[in-house]
């Protein structure tokens, strides 16, 4: 992680005070400003016995989305 710097001009950019932090709550998928999202046979695997504290989707400004076969599977440790 040494010698990491901001892109040229990045130091002069001020953060927008009205920005939205889309990752405040944990989700398995976050899609923002997407056109043409296709999800097929998506499997989410929870490997612990604890309650899953994540949401499935956080979608904002998504157009032309097709979702087919989503499974949430809990794997019990052996």
N, C-alpha and C. Protein backbone atom coordinates (compact mmCIF):
# COMPACT_ATOMS: atom_id res chain seq x y z
N UNK A 1 0.81 -1.19 0.00
CA UNK A 1 0.00 0.00 0.00
C UNK A 1 0.86 1.26 0.00
N UNK A 2 2.10 1.10 -0.23
CA UNK A 2 2.97 2.27 -0.27
C UNK A 2 2.85 2.96 -1.62
N UNK A 3 3.17 4.22 -1.63
CA UNK A 3 3.18 5.03 -2.84
C UNK A 3 1.83 5.12 -3.53
N UNK A 4 0.75 5.01 -2.76
CA UNK A 4 -0.58 5.19 -3.33
C UNK A 4 -0.94 6.66 -3.21
N UNK A 5 -1.38 7.22 -4.31
CA UNK A 5 -1.76 8.64 -4.29
C UNK A 5 -3.07 8.82 -5.04
N UNK A 6 -3.67 9.97 -4.85
CA UNK A 6 -4.90 10.28 -5.55
C UNK A 6 -4.59 10.55 -7.02
N UNK A 7 -5.57 10.39 -7.90
CA UNK A 7 -5.36 10.72 -9.31
C UNK A 7 -5.04 12.21 -9.47
N UNK A 8 -4.42 12.55 -10.58
CA UNK A 8 -4.08 13.94 -10.84
C UNK A 8 -5.32 14.81 -10.71
N UNK A 9 -5.24 15.86 -9.94
CA UNK A 9 -6.35 16.76 -9.73
C UNK A 9 -7.28 16.33 -8.61
N UNK A 10 -7.08 15.15 -8.05
CA UNK A 10 -7.95 14.61 -7.02
C UNK A 10 -7.89 15.38 -5.71
N UNK A 11 -6.77 16.02 -5.44
CA UNK A 11 -6.65 16.76 -4.18
C UNK A 11 -7.47 18.04 -4.18
N UNK A 12 -7.80 18.53 -5.35
CA UNK A 12 -8.55 19.79 -5.44
C UNK A 12 -10.06 19.57 -5.45
N UNK A 13 -10.49 18.32 -5.44
CA UNK A 13 -11.92 18.02 -5.49
C UNK A 13 -12.48 17.98 -4.08
N UNK A 14 -13.57 18.70 -3.86
CA UNK A 14 -14.24 18.68 -2.57
C UNK A 14 -15.40 17.71 -2.63
N UNK A 15 -15.61 16.98 -1.55
CA UNK A 15 -16.72 16.04 -1.51
C UNK A 15 -18.06 16.76 -1.52
N UNK A 16 -19.00 16.20 -2.23
CA UNK A 16 -20.34 16.75 -2.29
C UNK A 16 -21.03 16.49 -0.95
N UNK A 17 -21.45 17.53 -0.24
CA UNK A 17 -22.10 17.30 1.06
C UNK A 17 -23.43 16.56 0.94
N UNK A 18 -24.03 16.53 -0.25
CA UNK A 18 -25.31 15.86 -0.46
C UNK A 18 -25.15 14.47 -1.07
N UNK A 19 -23.92 13.96 -1.09
CA UNK A 19 -23.69 12.66 -1.72
C UNK A 19 -24.40 11.56 -0.93
N UNK A 20 -24.66 10.46 -1.61
CA UNK A 20 -25.31 9.31 -1.00
C UNK A 20 -24.28 8.21 -0.86
N UNK A 21 -24.14 7.69 0.35
CA UNK A 21 -23.26 6.55 0.57
C UNK A 21 -24.10 5.30 0.41
N UNK A 22 -23.95 4.62 -0.73
CA UNK A 22 -24.79 3.46 -1.03
C UNK A 22 -24.39 2.22 -0.24
N UNK A 23 -23.27 2.24 0.44
CA UNK A 23 -22.80 1.05 1.15
C UNK A 23 -22.88 1.20 2.67
N UNK A 24 -23.78 2.04 3.16
CA UNK A 24 -23.92 2.21 4.61
C UNK A 24 -24.36 0.90 5.26
N UNK A 25 -25.36 0.27 4.68
CA UNK A 25 -25.83 -1.03 5.16
C UNK A 25 -25.25 -2.11 4.25
N UNK A 26 -24.82 -3.24 4.80
CA UNK A 26 -24.24 -4.27 3.94
C UNK A 26 -25.30 -4.99 3.11
N UNK A 27 -25.02 -5.14 1.83
CA UNK A 27 -25.89 -5.85 0.90
C UNK A 27 -25.03 -6.82 0.10
N UNK A 28 -25.65 -7.87 -0.43
CA UNK A 28 -24.92 -8.79 -1.27
C UNK A 28 -24.67 -8.20 -2.66
N UNK A 29 -25.55 -7.33 -3.10
CA UNK A 29 -25.38 -6.69 -4.41
C UNK A 29 -25.85 -5.25 -4.32
N UNK A 30 -25.02 -4.33 -4.76
CA UNK A 30 -25.39 -2.92 -4.85
C UNK A 30 -25.22 -2.52 -6.30
N UNK A 31 -26.29 -2.04 -6.90
CA UNK A 31 -26.24 -1.58 -8.29
C UNK A 31 -26.85 -0.19 -8.34
N UNK A 32 -26.09 0.75 -8.85
CA UNK A 32 -26.52 2.14 -8.92
C UNK A 32 -26.22 2.68 -10.31
N UNK A 33 -27.21 3.30 -10.93
CA UNK A 33 -27.08 3.89 -12.27
C UNK A 33 -26.61 2.85 -13.28
N UNK A 34 -27.40 1.76 -13.40
CA UNK A 34 -27.06 0.67 -14.31
C UNK A 34 -28.17 0.54 -15.34
N UNK A 35 -27.79 0.34 -16.59
CA UNK A 35 -28.76 0.09 -17.65
C UNK A 35 -28.43 -1.27 -18.27
N UNK A 36 -29.33 -2.22 -18.13
CA UNK A 36 -29.12 -3.54 -18.71
C UNK A 36 -28.43 -4.50 -17.75
N UNK A 37 -29.06 -4.80 -16.62
CA UNK A 37 -28.50 -5.72 -15.64
C UNK A 37 -29.22 -7.06 -15.76
N UNK A 38 -28.47 -8.15 -15.96
CA UNK A 38 -29.03 -9.48 -16.10
C UNK A 38 -28.38 -10.39 -15.07
N UNK A 39 -29.20 -10.99 -14.20
CA UNK A 39 -28.70 -11.90 -13.17
C UNK A 39 -29.39 -13.24 -13.38
N UNK A 40 -28.59 -14.30 -13.52
CA UNK A 40 -29.14 -15.63 -13.75
C UNK A 40 -28.41 -16.65 -12.88
N UNK A 41 -29.18 -17.43 -12.13
CA UNK A 41 -28.65 -18.51 -11.30
C UNK A 41 -27.61 -18.00 -10.30
N UNK A 42 -28.02 -17.05 -9.50
CA UNK A 42 -27.15 -16.46 -8.49
C UNK A 42 -27.41 -17.15 -7.17
N UNK A 43 -26.35 -17.65 -6.53
CA UNK A 43 -26.49 -18.34 -5.25
C UNK A 43 -25.70 -17.58 -4.19
N UNK A 44 -26.38 -17.20 -3.12
CA UNK A 44 -25.74 -16.54 -1.98
C UNK A 44 -25.60 -17.59 -0.89
N UNK A 45 -24.37 -17.81 -0.45
CA UNK A 45 -24.08 -18.86 0.51
C UNK A 45 -23.72 -18.25 1.86
N UNK A 46 -24.53 -18.56 2.87
CA UNK A 46 -24.26 -18.12 4.24
C UNK A 46 -23.58 -19.29 4.94
N UNK A 47 -22.28 -19.14 5.24
CA UNK A 47 -21.51 -20.25 5.79
C UNK A 47 -21.53 -20.31 7.31
N UNK A 48 -22.17 -19.39 7.95
CA UNK A 48 -22.23 -19.43 9.41
C UNK A 48 -23.66 -19.71 9.85
N UNK A 49 -23.79 -20.10 11.10
CA UNK A 49 -25.13 -20.35 11.63
C UNK A 49 -25.78 -19.07 12.14
N UNK A 50 -25.03 -18.00 12.16
CA UNK A 50 -25.56 -16.73 12.64
C UNK A 50 -26.58 -16.17 11.64
N UNK A 51 -27.44 -15.34 12.15
CA UNK A 51 -28.40 -14.67 11.28
C UNK A 51 -27.64 -13.81 10.27
N UNK A 52 -28.09 -13.83 9.06
CA UNK A 52 -27.45 -13.02 8.03
C UNK A 52 -27.97 -11.59 8.16
N UNK A 53 -27.08 -10.65 8.40
CA UNK A 53 -27.51 -9.27 8.60
C UNK A 53 -27.33 -8.44 7.34
N UNK A 54 -27.28 -9.08 6.20
CA UNK A 54 -27.15 -8.37 4.93
C UNK A 54 -28.47 -8.40 4.17
N UNK A 55 -28.73 -7.34 3.45
CA UNK A 55 -29.86 -7.34 2.55
C UNK A 55 -29.46 -8.01 1.25
N UNK A 56 -30.42 -8.43 0.46
CA UNK A 56 -30.10 -9.07 -0.82
C UNK A 56 -29.67 -8.05 -1.87
N UNK A 57 -30.54 -7.07 -2.13
CA UNK A 57 -30.26 -6.09 -3.18
C UNK A 57 -30.41 -4.68 -2.65
N UNK A 58 -29.58 -3.79 -3.16
CA UNK A 58 -29.82 -2.35 -3.03
C UNK A 58 -29.73 -1.83 -4.44
N UNK A 59 -30.85 -1.43 -4.99
CA UNK A 59 -30.91 -0.96 -6.37
C UNK A 59 -31.39 0.48 -6.41
N UNK A 60 -30.70 1.27 -7.21
CA UNK A 60 -31.08 2.67 -7.37
C UNK A 60 -30.79 3.07 -8.82
N UNK A 61 -31.79 3.58 -9.49
CA UNK A 61 -31.67 4.00 -10.89
C UNK A 61 -31.17 2.86 -11.77
N UNK A 62 -31.84 1.71 -11.68
CA UNK A 62 -31.51 0.55 -12.51
C UNK A 62 -32.61 0.38 -13.55
N UNK A 63 -32.23 0.35 -14.81
CA UNK A 63 -33.18 0.19 -15.91
C UNK A 63 -32.90 -1.13 -16.63
N UNK A 64 -33.95 -1.74 -17.17
CA UNK A 64 -33.82 -2.96 -17.98
C UNK A 64 -33.14 -4.07 -17.20
N UNK A 65 -33.70 -4.41 -16.07
CA UNK A 65 -33.12 -5.46 -15.23
C UNK A 65 -33.92 -6.75 -15.38
N UNK A 66 -33.20 -7.87 -15.53
CA UNK A 66 -33.81 -9.19 -15.60
C UNK A 66 -33.16 -10.05 -14.53
N UNK A 67 -33.98 -10.66 -13.68
CA UNK A 67 -33.48 -11.53 -12.62
C UNK A 67 -34.15 -12.89 -12.78
N UNK A 68 -33.33 -13.94 -12.81
CA UNK A 68 -33.85 -15.29 -12.95
C UNK A 68 -33.09 -16.22 -12.01
N UNK A 69 -33.79 -16.92 -11.16
CA UNK A 69 -33.26 -17.93 -10.26
C UNK A 69 -32.18 -17.40 -9.31
N UNK A 70 -32.64 -16.91 -8.17
CA UNK A 70 -31.75 -16.50 -7.09
C UNK A 70 -32.03 -17.42 -5.91
N UNK A 71 -30.96 -17.97 -5.32
CA UNK A 71 -31.13 -18.86 -4.18
C UNK A 71 -30.28 -18.36 -3.03
N UNK A 72 -30.84 -18.40 -1.83
CA UNK A 72 -30.11 -18.08 -0.62
C UNK A 72 -29.94 -19.39 0.14
N UNK A 73 -28.72 -19.85 0.26
CA UNK A 73 -28.43 -21.16 0.82
C UNK A 73 -27.64 -21.02 2.09
N UNK A 74 -28.07 -21.72 3.14
CA UNK A 74 -27.32 -21.73 4.38
C UNK A 74 -26.57 -23.05 4.48
N UNK A 75 -25.26 -22.94 4.64
CA UNK A 75 -24.44 -24.13 4.80
C UNK A 75 -24.19 -24.34 6.28
N UNK A 76 -24.54 -25.50 6.77
CA UNK A 76 -24.33 -25.82 8.19
C UNK A 76 -22.94 -26.44 8.33
N UNK A 77 -22.09 -25.85 9.17
CA UNK A 77 -20.74 -26.41 9.35
C UNK A 77 -20.81 -27.87 9.82
N UNK A 78 -19.91 -28.68 9.30
CA UNK A 78 -19.90 -30.10 9.64
C UNK A 78 -18.82 -30.41 10.66
